[in-house]
Amino acid sequence: MHPSGSSIAHGSVESLGRAVATLRENHGMTQEALGDVIDSFRPTISRLENGADVAVSAVVESLTALGYEIVLVPRGAEITVNPMQ
């Protein structure tokens, strides 16, 4: 279950885009504001959120700006995330 309370499918570019959109909205940011933070433009954020091809740096920088990071986990592995205190 996603922290916002919604379930997000794993393993697709589209699900990653939806997750970024949800995180951005939860931070009260517009696409333009997030683009400004990562030194990019609103259309790039829109493409990312809609599952279109964008530079890997745009994905990583967007997630970092929203307080997240990418962690690689073997498919099918069970993981536990403990929030920092």
C-alpha atoms as a PDB file:
ATOM      1  CA  MET A   1       0.000   0.000   0.000  1.00  0.00           C
ATOM      2  CA  HIS A   2       1.325   3.437  -0.946  1.00  0.00           C
ATOM      3  CA  PRO A   3       1.732   6.028   1.862  1.00  0.00           C
ATOM      4  CA  SER A   4      -1.104   8.068   0.344  1.00  0.00           C
ATOM      5  CA  GLY A   5      -3.424   5.127   1.001  1.00  0.00           C
ATOM      6  CA  SER A   6      -3.716   4.111  -2.649  1.00  0.00           C
ATOM      7  CA  SER A   7      -2.295   0.976  -4.155  1.00  0.00           C
ATOM      8  CA  ILE A   8       0.288   1.534  -6.890  1.00  0.00           C
ATOM      9  CA  ALA A   9       1.251  -1.273  -9.252  1.00  0.00           C
ATOM     10  CA  HIS A  10       4.927  -2.109  -9.375  1.00  0.00           C
ATOM     11  CA  GLY A  11       7.200  -2.526 -12.348  1.00  0.00           C
ATOM     12  CA  SER A  12       5.956  -0.089 -14.954  1.00  0.00           C
ATOM     13  CA  VAL A  13       6.979   3.351 -16.146  1.00  0.00           C
ATOM     14  CA  GLU A  14       3.351   4.402 -15.868  1.00  0.00           C
ATOM     15  CA  SER A  15       3.164   3.384 -12.197  1.00  0.00           C
ATOM     16  CA  LEU A  16       6.366   5.315 -11.484  1.00  0.00           C
ATOM     17  CA  GLY A  17       4.868   8.364 -13.168  1.00  0.00           C
ATOM     18  CA  ARG A  18       1.663   8.078 -11.134  1.00  0.00           C
ATOM     19  CA  ALA A  19       3.726   7.763  -7.954  1.00  0.00           C
ATOM     20  CA  VAL A  20       5.699  10.924  -8.781  1.00  0.00           C
ATOM     21  CA  ALA A  21       2.452  12.798  -9.486  1.00  0.00           C
ATOM     22  CA  THR A  22       0.969  11.651  -6.174  1.00  0.00           C
ATOM     23  CA  LEU A  23       4.093  12.624  -4.235  1.00  0.00           C
ATOM     24  CA  ARG A  24       4.235  16.026  -5.958  1.00  0.00           C
ATOM     25  CA  GLU A  25       0.575  16.706  -5.200  1.00  0.00           C
ATOM     26  CA  ASN A  26       1.046  15.591  -1.576  1.00  0.00           C
ATOM     27  CA  HIS A  27       3.823  18.191  -1.318  1.00  0.00           C
ATOM     28  CA  GLY A  28       1.435  20.832  -2.669  1.00  0.00           C
ATOM     29  CA  MET A  29       3.645  21.456  -5.692  1.00  0.00           C
ATOM     30  CA  THR A  30       2.697  22.186  -9.274  1.00  0.00           C
ATOM     31  CA  GLN A  31       4.511  20.533 -12.155  1.00  0.00           C
ATOM     32  CA  GLU A  32       6.121  23.897 -12.884  1.00  0.00           C
ATOM     33  CA  ALA A  33       7.345  24.258  -9.282  1.00  0.00           C
ATOM     34  CA  LEU A  34       8.899  20.774  -9.311  1.00  0.00           C
ATOM     35  CA  GLY A  35      10.508  21.569 -12.663  1.00  0.00           C
ATOM     36  CA  ASP A  36      11.998  24.740 -11.181  1.00  0.00           C
ATOM     37  CA  VAL A  37      13.432  22.806  -8.219  1.00  0.00           C
ATOM     38  CA  ILE A  38      15.192  20.289 -10.483  1.00  0.00           C
ATOM     39  CA  ASP A  39      16.178  22.931 -13.062  1.00  0.00           C
ATOM     40  CA  SER A  40      13.855  21.493 -15.700  1.00  0.00           C
ATOM     41  CA  PHE A  41      10.546  22.440 -17.299  1.00  0.00           C
ATOM     42  CA  ARG A  42       6.875  21.609 -16.713  1.00  0.00           C
ATOM     43  CA  PRO A  43       6.565  19.531 -19.924  1.00  0.00           C
ATOM     44  CA  THR A  44       9.341  17.221 -18.668  1.00  0.00           C
ATOM     45  CA  ILE A  45       7.480  16.676 -15.387  1.00  0.00           C
ATOM     46  CA  SER A  46       4.257  16.075 -17.318  1.00  0.00           C
ATOM     47  CA  ARG A  47       5.951  13.478 -19.544  1.00  0.00           C
ATOM     48  CA  LEU A  48       7.434  11.764 -16.477  1.00  0.00           C
ATOM     49  CA  GLU A  49       4.064  11.633 -14.725  1.00  0.00           C
ATOM     50  CA  ASN A  50       2.384  10.264 -17.850  1.00  0.00           C
ATOM     51  CA  GLY A  51       4.888   7.441 -18.321  1.00  0.00           C
ATOM     52  CA  ALA A  52       6.672   8.908 -21.327  1.00  0.00           C
ATOM     53  CA  ASP A  53      10.424   8.731 -21.868  1.00  0.00           C
ATOM     54  CA  VAL A  54      12.448  11.274 -19.897  1.00  0.00           C
ATOM     55  CA  ALA A  55      16.087  11.439 -18.854  1.00  0.00           C
ATOM     56  CA  VAL A  56      16.990   9.241 -15.891  1.00  0.00           C
ATOM     57  CA  SER A  57      18.339  12.371 -14.206  1.00  0.00           C
ATOM     58  CA  ALA A  58      14.840  13.916 -14.306  1.00  0.00           C
ATOM     59  CA  VAL A  59      13.423  10.868 -12.508  1.00  0.00           C
ATOM     60  CA  VAL A  60      16.165  10.741  -9.872  1.00  0.00           C
ATOM     61  CA  GLU A  61      16.173  14.513  -9.269  1.00  0.00           C
ATOM     62  CA  SER A  62      12.361  14.647  -9.034  1.00  0.00           C
ATOM     63  CA  LEU A  63      12.264  11.860  -6.464  1.00  0.00           C
ATOM     64  CA  THR A  64      15.127  13.412  -4.507  1.00  0.00           C
ATOM     65  CA  ALA A  65      13.356  16.790  -4.458  1.00  0.00           C
ATOM     66  CA  LEU A  66      10.252  15.037  -3.099  1.00  0.00           C
ATOM     67  CA  GLY A  67      12.242  13.317  -0.346  1.00  0.00           C
ATOM     68  CA  TYR A  68      12.579   9.864  -1.916  1.00  0.00           C
ATOM     69  CA  GLU A  69      15.311   7.762  -3.464  1.00  0.00           C
ATOM     70  CA  ILE A  70      15.433   4.804  -5.812  1.00  0.00           C
ATOM     71  CA  VAL A  71      16.413   1.475  -4.288  1.00  0.00           C
ATOM     72  CA  LEU A  72      16.947  -1.596  -6.457  1.00  0.00           C
ATOM     73  CA  VAL A  73      15.415  -4.774  -5.085  1.00  0.00           C
ATOM     74  CA  PRO A  74      15.420  -8.201  -6.713  1.00  0.00           C
ATOM     75  CA  ARG A  75      12.022  -8.994  -8.229  1.00  0.00           C
ATOM     76  CA  GLY A  76       9.917 -11.011  -5.820  1.00  0.00           C
ATOM     77  CA  ALA A  77      11.977 -10.060  -2.769  1.00  0.00           C
ATOM     78  CA  GLU A  78      10.236  -8.931   0.383  1.00  0.00           C
ATOM     79  CA  ILE A  79      11.452  -5.678   1.855  1.00  0.00           C
ATOM     80  CA  THR A  80      10.737  -3.681   4.975  1.00  0.00           C
ATOM     81  CA  VAL A  81      11.080   0.081   5.048  1.00  0.00           C
ATOM     82  CA  ASN A  82      11.639   1.739   8.395  1.00  0.00           C
ATOM     83  CA  PRO A  83      11.144   5.524   8.259  1.00  0.00           C
ATOM     84  CA  MET A  84      14.005   7.577   9.646  1.00  0.00           C
ATOM     85  CA  GLN A  85      13.331   9.108  13.025  1.00  0.00           C
END
